[in-house]
C-alpha cells in the first residue's frame, strides 16, 4: 500500500511535490479508506490539471524511479540513469533529483525508501522501517559511496557494498545478494506498484495472463466486465498462432550463423484474441465471432486492461494510470473507480491513482477532499506544483465540478479569446 510519494527537481517540478495517500481526519466516505494492520490509506486518487501543467510529469517521476531501481542489477558501469532535472534554472539543471516512497510492504511493515541521483550516479540513498511509532534506520548512503548501518545489520550489509557501483542502488544490490532485511521493501517496489501510460494494445501483462494456466479466470473476469459495462460480448478466447514472417522484414530479423550460413526464423508466434457475440436471429440466438482488432478501441482497451485490474485486486497492488478516460465512456471509468471503493470487491487493499480531464468524477458524492489532487504550472517560471482539494475550504455540499471549471481551485487553462488567424 502506497502511503506517500515525493519528488523534487524532476522535469517540471523544481520544488518538492508530495502525493499523500494517508487519509486526513475527515470523516466523509470511510468506504474509501483501506487498512493494512494499523496503517490506513486511500483507495483512489484522482488528479486534475490543464494540458502541459505537469500531471504526466509527476507520474513519470514514479515510473522512472521504479524503472531505475528495477533495472539496477543489470546496469552497466557507465550506463546513464533516467533522471531529467528541472531545466529552466541554471542551478537546478546542475543538481540531482530526489525521490521518496513511503509504503506498507507485504510483511505489513511501513518503510521509507528514497534516493538522490543525477543521470550519472546515486548520491544519497536510504531505507527506514517502522517497527514502532518511530522510524529506525536499515541503511543510509551519502556522498555516493559512504554507507552507514545499524549495529544489528552492519555485519550482513556492509560486505555487500563492494558489489555496488555509483550508478546502482544498494537496495537492489543487497536484495540480489540475499539480504533478508531488504527483501520485503524491494519486493513491494518491484511487484506492489505499477504505472501505465497506455492501456491499449497487447501489453506484456495481458499476454502473460491470457496464456497462463489461470487464463480461464482472466477470461471470466474480462467477460464479467463486458457484461457490467453493457458491452455485448458473451465470451473471449485466446490462442497462439504461428504465421509466416513477411519476407520484406527478414533483413531486420536477427539470426544465427551456422557453418557459414545465416539461419533465421521463418515464422512468428502471435497471440490472437477472439470475441464472441450472440445475435438475435428470428426465434433463436446465433453466435458470431470477431477478432480483437475488429472491436471498438474502448472494448480493446477493457480487454487488455482487465488482467491488470484483476491482478491489482487479487494482490492488493497500487496501479497508476495516466489519462484513464482515453477511449472509455465516463460511466465505464466510474465503474472502475467504484470497484476500488467497494470493500467487498477490493478485499486486499488495492489502490488506483489516475490522471483525468473528465470533470464528471469531480464530486464529493464519490471522493473525499483528500482524494482529489490538482497540478498547476506557473507560466512565468514554468514550475509545476501539486496540491490537494483539502487545502481549500470546501463545503460538504459544494459543487466542486462547477467550482473547478470556474477556476476556483486553479489548475485550469486560461483560455484567451480572439482570432487565431
Protein backbone atom coordinates (compact mmCIF):
# COMPACT_ATOMS: atom_id res chain seq x y z
CA UNK A 1 0.00 0.00 0.00
CA UNK A 2 1.43 3.34 -1.07
CA UNK A 3 1.24 5.99 1.65
CA UNK A 4 3.24 8.81 0.11
CA UNK A 5 5.43 9.72 -2.87
CA UNK A 6 7.64 12.79 -3.15
CA UNK A 7 9.77 14.18 -5.95
CA UNK A 8 11.98 17.25 -6.26
CA UNK A 9 13.86 18.73 -9.20
CA UNK A 10 12.46 16.39 -11.82
CA UNK A 11 11.16 17.65 -15.17
CA UNK A 12 8.69 20.49 -14.45
CA UNK A 13 8.77 20.01 -10.65
CA UNK A 14 11.55 22.21 -9.32
CA UNK A 15 10.38 22.26 -5.70
CA UNK A 16 9.29 19.22 -3.72
CA UNK A 17 5.87 17.84 -4.65
CA UNK A 18 4.19 15.21 -2.49
CA UNK A 19 1.21 12.94 -3.08
CA UNK A 20 -0.31 11.84 0.25
CA UNK A 21 -2.39 8.67 0.40
CA UNK A 22 -2.73 8.55 4.18
CA UNK A 23 -6.24 9.86 4.93
CA UNK A 24 -6.84 13.02 6.90
CA UNK A 25 -9.21 13.11 9.88
CA UNK A 26 -12.10 13.86 7.53
CA UNK A 27 -15.00 11.51 8.41
CA UNK A 28 -16.51 11.52 4.93
CA UNK A 29 -16.55 8.37 2.77
CA UNK A 30 -14.98 5.90 5.15
CA UNK A 31 -15.52 3.28 2.45
CA UNK A 32 -12.72 4.97 0.50
CA UNK A 33 -10.19 4.10 3.21
CA UNK A 34 -8.30 0.80 3.21
CA UNK A 35 -6.31 -0.68 6.09
CA UNK A 36 -3.28 -2.91 6.46
CA UNK A 37 -2.63 -3.52 10.11
CA UNK A 38 -2.53 -0.14 11.83
CA UNK A 39 -1.80 1.68 8.58
CA UNK A 40 -4.57 3.35 6.61
CA UNK A 41 -4.55 4.54 3.00
CA UNK A 42 -6.86 5.96 0.37
CA UNK A 43 -8.16 3.53 -2.24
CA UNK A 44 -8.39 6.05 -5.11
CA UNK A 45 -6.65 9.32 -6.03
CA UNK A 46 -7.81 11.47 -8.97
CA UNK A 47 -5.54 14.18 -10.36
CA UNK A 48 -6.66 17.13 -12.50
CA UNK A 49 -4.89 19.94 -14.29
CA UNK A 50 -4.61 21.82 -17.55
CA UNK A 51 -2.75 20.45 -20.55
CA UNK A 52 1.03 20.78 -20.08
CA UNK A 53 0.57 21.55 -16.38
CA UNK A 54 2.79 18.66 -15.27
CA UNK A 55 0.32 15.90 -14.36
CA UNK A 56 2.07 13.35 -16.52
CA UNK A 57 5.50 14.55 -15.35
CA UNK A 58 4.62 13.75 -11.75
CA UNK A 59 3.63 10.21 -12.62
CA UNK A 60 6.67 9.91 -14.88
CA UNK A 61 8.68 10.53 -11.74
CA UNK A 62 7.12 7.44 -10.15
CA UNK A 63 7.68 5.45 -13.33
CA UNK A 64 11.31 6.49 -13.80
CA UNK A 65 12.16 5.86 -10.15
CA UNK A 66 10.74 2.33 -10.37
CA UNK A 67 12.40 1.58 -13.73
CA UNK A 68 15.80 2.75 -12.45
CA UNK A 69 15.51 0.66 -9.31
CA UNK A 70 14.22 -2.46 -11.07
CA UNK A 71 16.96 -2.31 -13.69
CA UNK A 72 19.75 -1.60 -11.24
CA UNK A 73 21.31 -5.07 -11.14
CA UNK A 74 21.75 -5.24 -14.91
CA UNK A 75 23.02 -1.69 -15.34
CA UNK A 76 26.46 -1.35 -16.89
CA UNK A 77 29.11 0.74 -15.13
CA UNK A 78 28.77 3.72 -17.49
CA UNK A 79 25.08 3.35 -18.28
CA UNK A 80 23.14 6.58 -17.53
CA UNK A 81 20.22 6.89 -15.15
CA UNK A 82 16.79 8.12 -16.29
CA UNK A 83 16.94 11.42 -14.41
CA UNK A 84 15.81 14.69 -16.01
CA UNK A 85 16.17 17.75 -13.73
CA UNK A 86 14.18 20.98 -13.97
CA UNK A 87 15.89 22.72 -16.89
CA UNK A 88 14.60 26.28 -16.61
CA UNK A 89 17.03 27.25 -13.88
CA UNK A 90 20.85 27.37 -14.05
CA UNK A 91 21.08 25.96 -10.51
CA UNK A 92 18.57 23.13 -10.69
CA UNK A 93 19.83 21.77 -14.02
CA UNK A 94 23.15 21.03 -12.31
CA UNK A 95 21.59 19.47 -9.20
CA UNK A 96 20.41 15.90 -8.70
CA UNK A 97 16.77 14.88 -8.41
CA UNK A 98 15.16 13.46 -5.27
CA UNK A 99 12.60 10.65 -4.99
CA UNK A 100 10.96 9.09 -1.93
CA UNK A 101 8.38 6.33 -1.38
CA UNK A 102 6.54 5.59 1.86
CA UNK A 103 4.65 2.30 1.74
CA UNK A 104 3.46 -0.78 3.57
CA UNK A 105 5.07 -3.94 2.20
CA UNK A 106 3.68 -7.46 2.23
CA UNK A 107 5.16 -8.06 5.69
CA UNK A 108 2.72 -5.35 6.93
CA UNK A 109 5.62 -3.09 7.92
CA UNK A 110 5.81 0.56 6.90
CA UNK A 111 9.01 1.55 5.05
CA UNK A 112 10.55 4.78 3.79
CA UNK A 113 12.87 4.46 0.80
CA UNK A 114 14.41 7.34 -1.07
CA UNK A 115 17.36 8.40 -3.16
CA UNK A 116 19.04 11.42 -4.73
CA UNK A 117 20.58 10.96 -8.19
CA UNK A 118 21.50 12.60 -11.44
CA UNK A 119 21.96 10.87 -14.80
CA UNK A 120 25.40 9.52 -13.79
CA UNK A 121 25.34 8.46 -10.14
CA UNK A 122 23.37 7.95 -6.96
CA UNK A 123 24.47 10.50 -4.37
CA UNK A 124 22.21 9.53 -1.47
CA UNK A 125 20.02 6.55 -0.67
CA UNK A 126 18.24 5.45 2.48
CA UNK A 127 15.87 2.82 3.86
CA UNK A 128 13.98 3.06 7.16
CA UNK A 129 11.27 0.91 8.69
CA UNK A 130 8.68 1.38 11.40
CA UNK A 131 8.96 -1.39 13.96
CA UNK A 132 7.30 1.02 16.39
CA UNK A 133 5.93 4.54 16.08
CA UNK A 134 9.42 5.80 15.28
CA UNK A 135 11.34 5.01 12.09
CA UNK A 136 14.58 3.07 12.51
CA UNK A 137 17.46 3.05 10.04
CA UNK A 138 18.27 -0.01 7.94
CA UNK A 139 20.91 1.78 5.86
CA UNK A 140 21.97 5.21 4.73
CA UNK A 141 24.23 6.13 1.83
CA UNK A 142 25.81 9.54 1.42
CA UNK A 143 28.39 11.08 -0.90
CA UNK A 144 27.90 8.23 -3.37
CA UNK A 145 29.89 5.56 -1.53
CA UNK A 146 29.67 6.35 2.20
CA UNK A 147 27.39 3.80 3.87
CA UNK A 148 26.14 3.51 7.42
CA UNK A 149 24.12 0.75 9.09
CA UNK A 150 22.67 -0.09 12.45
CA UNK A 151 24.88 -2.35 14.54
CA UNK A 152 22.39 -5.17 14.09
CA UNK A 153 22.57 -5.11 10.28
CA UNK A 154 26.17 -3.97 9.72
CA UNK A 155 27.76 -7.44 9.58
CA UNK A 156 25.30 -8.53 6.88
CA UNK A 157 25.00 -5.37 4.79
CA UNK A 158 28.44 -3.78 4.97
CA UNK A 159 30.26 -6.51 2.95
CA UNK A 160 27.68 -6.14 0.15
CA UNK A 161 28.70 -2.55 -0.60
CA UNK A 162 31.69 -3.88 -2.56
CA UNK A 163 29.25 -5.15 -5.21
CA UNK A 164 27.55 -1.79 -5.63
CA UNK A 165 28.62 0.92 -8.10
CA UNK A 166 27.97 4.68 -8.23
CA UNK A 167 25.09 4.24 -10.71
CA UNK A 168 23.41 1.32 -8.92
CA UNK A 169 21.02 1.23 -5.97
CA UNK A 170 22.18 -0.52 -2.84
CA UNK A 171 18.64 -1.67 -2.04
CA UNK A 172 18.65 -3.71 -5.24
CA UNK A 173 22.22 -4.95 -4.80
CA UNK A 174 21.65 -6.07 -1.20
CA UNK A 175 18.48 -7.94 -2.16
CA UNK A 176 20.27 -9.66 -5.04
CA UNK A 177 22.84 -10.94 -2.53
CA UNK A 178 20.03 -12.35 -0.38
CA UNK A 179 19.91 -9.72 2.39
CA UNK A 180 16.64 -10.58 4.12
CA UNK A 181 16.20 -7.15 5.70
CA UNK A 182 15.83 -5.51 2.24
CA UNK A 183 13.76 -8.26 0.62
CA UNK A 184 10.24 -7.09 1.61
CA UNK A 185 10.66 -3.41 0.59
CA UNK A 186 12.40 -4.35 -2.66
CA UNK A 187 9.66 -6.86 -3.42
CA UNK A 188 6.97 -4.19 -2.96
CA UNK A 189 8.82 -1.68 -5.16
CA UNK A 190 9.21 -4.41 -7.78
CA UNK A 191 5.80 -6.10 -7.63
CA UNK A 192 3.50 -3.99 -5.45
CA UNK A 193 3.15 -0.92 -7.66
CA UNK A 194 2.96 -0.38 -11.43
CA UNK A 195 2.36 2.60 -13.69
CA UNK A 196 0.64 2.68 -17.08
CA UNK A 197 0.56 5.42 -19.69
CA UNK A 198 -1.09 3.42 -22.47
CA UNK A 199 -3.53 0.61 -21.68
CA UNK A 200 -4.25 -0.18 -25.30
CA UNK A 201 -2.59 -2.88 -27.34
CA UNK A 202 -1.10 -6.20 -26.29
CA UNK A 203 0.72 -5.23 -23.12
CA UNK A 204 3.07 -7.89 -21.65
CA UNK A 205 0.97 -8.42 -18.52
CA UNK A 206 -2.13 -9.11 -20.62
CA UNK A 207 -0.28 -11.55 -22.88
CA UNK A 208 1.13 -13.41 -19.90
CA UNK A 209 -2.28 -13.59 -18.21
CA UNK A 210 -4.16 -14.89 -21.25
CA UNK A 211 -1.51 -17.57 -21.84
CA UNK A 212 -1.16 -18.68 -18.23
CA UNK A 213 -2.64 -21.76 -16.58
CA UNK A 214 -5.14 -19.38 -14.94
CA UNK A 215 -6.27 -17.96 -18.29
CA UNK A 216 -9.87 -19.08 -17.72
CA UNK A 217 -10.07 -16.93 -14.59
CA UNK A 218 -8.82 -13.91 -16.51
CA UNK A 219 -11.30 -14.54 -19.33
CA UNK A 220 -14.13 -14.90 -16.82
CA UNK A 221 -13.15 -11.60 -15.18
CA UNK A 222 -12.98 -9.82 -18.56
CA UNK A 223 -16.32 -11.27 -19.66
CA UNK A 224 -17.92 -10.08 -16.42
CA UNK A 225 -16.54 -6.58 -17.02
CA UNK A 226 -18.06 -6.65 -20.51
CA UNK A 227 -21.48 -7.55 -19.12
CA UNK A 228 -21.35 -4.99 -16.33
CA UNK A 229 -20.33 -2.20 -18.68
CA UNK A 230 -23.04 -3.05 -21.22
CA UNK A 231 -20.73 -4.43 -23.91
CA UNK A 232 -22.37 -7.27 -25.85
CA UNK A 233 -19.57 -9.82 -25.63
CA UNK A 234 -20.53 -13.24 -24.32
CA UNK A 235 -17.12 -14.89 -24.50
CA UNK A 236 -13.41 -14.33 -25.08
CA UNK A 237 -10.85 -16.80 -26.33
CA UNK A 238 -7.11 -16.53 -26.91
CA UNK A 239 -4.78 -18.83 -28.78
CA UNK A 240 -1.22 -18.79 -30.02
CA UNK A 241 -0.94 -18.86 -33.78
CA UNK A 242 2.12 -19.22 -35.97
CA UNK A 243 2.22 -17.03 -39.06
CA UNK A 244 4.87 -16.69 -41.80
CA UNK A 245 7.20 -13.72 -41.49
CA UNK A 246 6.90 -11.14 -44.26
CA UNK A 247 10.00 -11.56 -46.47
CA UNK A 248 10.40 -7.78 -46.57
CA UNK A 249 11.11 -7.82 -42.82
CA UNK A 250 13.73 -10.59 -42.95
CA UNK A 251 16.74 -8.20 -43.17
CA UNK A 252 15.64 -6.72 -39.82
CA UNK A 253 15.37 -10.07 -38.00
CA UNK A 254 18.47 -11.38 -36.19
CA UNK A 255 19.60 -14.94 -36.74
CA UNK A 256 22.44 -17.42 -36.12
CA UNK A 257 25.34 -18.23 -38.39
CA UNK A 258 25.94 -21.97 -38.52
CA UNK A 259 28.66 -23.37 -40.78
CA UNK A 260 28.81 -20.05 -42.56
CA UNK A 261 25.08 -19.99 -43.27
CA UNK A 262 22.63 -17.47 -41.78
CA UNK A 263 19.72 -19.24 -40.07
CA UNK A 264 16.64 -17.09 -39.40
CA UNK A 265 13.16 -17.95 -38.11
CA UNK A 266 10.62 -18.29 -40.90
CA UNK A 267 7.50 -17.81 -38.78
CA UNK A 268 6.40 -15.91 -35.73
CA UNK A 269 4.10 -16.76 -32.84
CA UNK A 270 1.32 -14.31 -32.06
CA UNK A 271 -1.46 -14.20 -29.51
CA UNK A 272 -4.81 -13.98 -31.28
CA UNK A 273 -7.86 -12.96 -29.25
CA UNK A 274 -11.38 -13.72 -30.46
CA UNK A 275 -14.57 -12.25 -29.04
CA UNK A 276 -17.99 -13.89 -29.27
CA UNK A 277 -21.37 -12.20 -29.70
CA UNK A 278 -24.87 -13.68 -29.52
CA UNK A 279 -27.16 -12.02 -32.04
CA UNK A 280 -30.94 -12.43 -32.17
CA UNK A 281 -31.99 -14.02 -35.44
CA UNK A 282 -35.69 -14.86 -35.65
CA UNK A 283 -36.59 -17.03 -32.68
CA UNK A 284 -33.07 -18.05 -31.79
CA UNK A 285 -29.70 -16.60 -30.85
CA UNK A 286 -26.82 -17.06 -33.28
CA UNK A 287 -23.21 -16.79 -32.16
CA UNK A 288 -20.72 -14.77 -34.19
CA UNK A 289 -17.10 -14.00 -33.54
CA UNK A 290 -14.73 -11.11 -34.23
CA UNK A 291 -11.01 -10.61 -33.95
CA UNK A 292 -10.00 -8.24 -31.18
CA UNK A 293 -8.75 -5.63 -33.66
CA UNK A 294 -12.27 -5.52 -35.17
CA UNK A 295 -13.75 -4.39 -31.85
CA UNK A 296 -14.03 -0.75 -30.80
CA UNK A 297 -10.99 0.91 -29.22
CA UNK A 298 -12.84 1.06 -25.90
CA UNK A 299 -13.55 -2.68 -25.97
CA UNK A 300 -9.96 -3.45 -26.90
CA UNK A 301 -8.78 -1.29 -24.02
CA UNK A 302 -11.03 -3.02 -21.49
CA UNK A 303 -9.93 -6.47 -22.60
CA UNK A 304 -6.26 -5.50 -22.36
CA UNK A 305 -6.82 -3.67 -19.07
CA UNK A 306 -8.87 -6.32 -17.26
CA UNK A 307 -5.88 -8.61 -16.38
CA UNK A 308 -4.08 -5.61 -14.85
CA UNK A 309 -7.18 -4.80 -12.83
CA UNK A 310 -7.65 -8.41 -11.69
CA UNK A 311 -4.01 -8.69 -10.64
CA UNK A 312 -4.26 -5.45 -8.65
CA UNK A 313 -7.37 -6.65 -6.82
CA UNK A 314 -6.01 -10.15 -6.20
CA UNK A 315 -2.60 -9.00 -4.96
CA UNK A 316 -3.51 -5.68 -3.34
CA UNK A 317 -1.35 -3.69 -5.78
CA UNK A 318 -1.15 0.03 -6.40
CA UNK A 319 -1.69 0.93 -10.05
CA UNK A 320 -1.12 4.37 -11.56
CA UNK A 321 -2.88 5.19 -14.85
CA UNK A 322 -2.32 8.35 -16.86
CA UNK A 323 -5.45 9.64 -18.64
CA UNK A 324 -7.63 6.67 -17.77
CA UNK A 325 -10.61 8.03 -19.74
CA UNK A 326 -8.86 7.60 -23.09
CA UNK A 327 -11.38 5.73 -25.33
CA UNK A 328 -13.61 4.92 -22.34
CA UNK A 329 -17.06 6.28 -21.57
CA UNK A 330 -17.24 8.22 -18.28
CA UNK A 331 -19.69 5.65 -16.86
CA UNK A 332 -17.15 2.88 -17.50
CA UNK A 333 -14.41 4.84 -15.73
CA UNK A 334 -16.80 5.49 -12.84
CA UNK A 335 -17.46 1.75 -12.71
CA UNK A 336 -13.72 1.07 -12.41
CA UNK A 337 -13.32 3.72 -9.71
CA UNK A 338 -16.22 2.20 -7.77
CA UNK A 339 -14.58 -1.24 -7.87
CA UNK A 340 -11.70 0.12 -5.79
CA UNK A 341 -14.14 1.85 -3.44
CA UNK A 342 -16.08 -1.36 -2.82
CA UNK A 343 -14.63 -3.29 0.14
CA UNK A 344 -16.48 -6.46 -0.89
CA UNK A 345 -14.59 -6.46 -4.20
CA UNK A 346 -11.38 -4.73 -3.17
CA UNK A 347 -10.63 -7.12 -0.31
CA UNK A 348 -6.84 -6.85 -0.41
CA UNK A 349 -6.37 -3.09 -0.28
CA UNK A 350 -5.62 -2.34 -3.94
CA UNK A 351 -5.17 1.31 -4.90
CA UNK A 352 -5.98 3.23 -8.09
CA UNK A 353 -4.22 6.52 -8.88
CA UNK A 354 -5.35 8.30 -12.04
CA UNK A 355 -4.95 11.47 -14.02
CA UNK A 356 -8.00 12.65 -15.91
CA UNK A 357 -9.57 15.64 -17.61
CA UNK A 358 -13.11 14.36 -17.12
CA UNK A 359 -14.77 16.59 -14.55
CA UNK A 360 -17.76 14.24 -14.26
CA UNK A 361 -15.85 12.43 -11.50
CA UNK A 362 -15.33 15.64 -9.53
CA UNK A 363 -17.93 15.05 -6.87
CA UNK A 364 -17.91 14.89 -3.10
CA UNK A 365 -20.54 12.16 -3.50
CA UNK A 366 -17.69 9.93 -4.73
CA UNK A 367 -14.49 11.36 -3.29
CA UNK A 368 -13.17 12.85 -0.09
CA UNK A 369 -11.36 16.18 -0.38
CA UNK A 370 -8.01 14.47 0.26
CA UNK A 371 -8.58 12.18 -2.75
CA UNK A 372 -8.60 14.99 -5.31
CA UNK A 373 -5.28 16.48 -6.41
CA UNK A 374 -4.57 19.36 -8.74
CA UNK A 375 -1.49 20.25 -10.77
CA UNK A 376 -0.81 23.81 -11.86
CA UNK A 377 2.09 25.34 -13.75
CA UNK A 378 3.39 28.85 -13.21
CA UNK A 379 3.57 30.24 -16.76
CA UNK A 380 6.31 32.70 -15.79
CA UNK A 381 8.72 30.22 -14.16
CA UNK A 382 7.44 27.02 -15.88
CA UNK A 383 7.36 25.31 -12.46
CA UNK A 384 4.63 22.77 -11.67
CA UNK A 385 3.04 22.44 -8.25
CA UNK A 386 0.87 19.66 -6.82
CA UNK A 387 -1.76 20.31 -4.18
CA UNK A 388 -4.92 18.77 -2.78
CA UNK A 389 -8.50 19.99 -2.62
CA UNK A 390 -8.25 19.61 1.15
CA UNK A 391 -6.16 22.79 1.10
CA UNK A 392 -9.35 24.71 0.24
CA UNK A 393 -12.31 25.48 2.46
CA UNK A 394 -14.79 23.38 0.51
CA UNK A 395 -18.25 22.97 1.98
CA UNK A 396 -19.75 19.49 2.27
CA UNK A 397 -22.45 20.02 -0.36
CA UNK A 398 -20.45 22.25 -2.68
CA UNK A 399 -20.48 21.59 -6.43
CA UNK A 400 -16.74 21.15 -6.86
CA UNK A 401 -17.02 20.34 -10.57
CA UNK A 402 -18.54 23.76 -11.19
CA UNK A 403 -16.04 25.41 -8.86
CA UNK A 404 -13.13 23.77 -10.65
CA UNK A 405 -14.33 24.78 -14.12
CA UNK A 406 -14.76 28.36 -12.86
CA UNK A 407 -11.13 28.33 -11.76
CA UNK A 408 -11.90 28.49 -8.05
CA UNK A 409 -9.17 25.95 -7.23
CA UNK A 410 -6.75 26.77 -10.03
CA UNK A 411 -5.27 24.10 -12.32
CA UNK A 412 -7.39 25.09 -15.35
CA UNK A 413 -6.20 26.59 -18.64
CA UNK A 414 -6.51 30.34 -19.05
CA UNK A 415 -8.27 30.39 -22.42
CA UNK A 416 -7.83 33.69 -24.20
CA UNK A 417 -10.44 34.83 -26.69
CA UNK A 418 -9.75 36.28 -30.07
CA UNK A 419 -8.92 35.20 -33.61
CA UNK A 420 -6.08 32.77 -34.26
CA UNK A 421 -5.54 33.99 -37.82
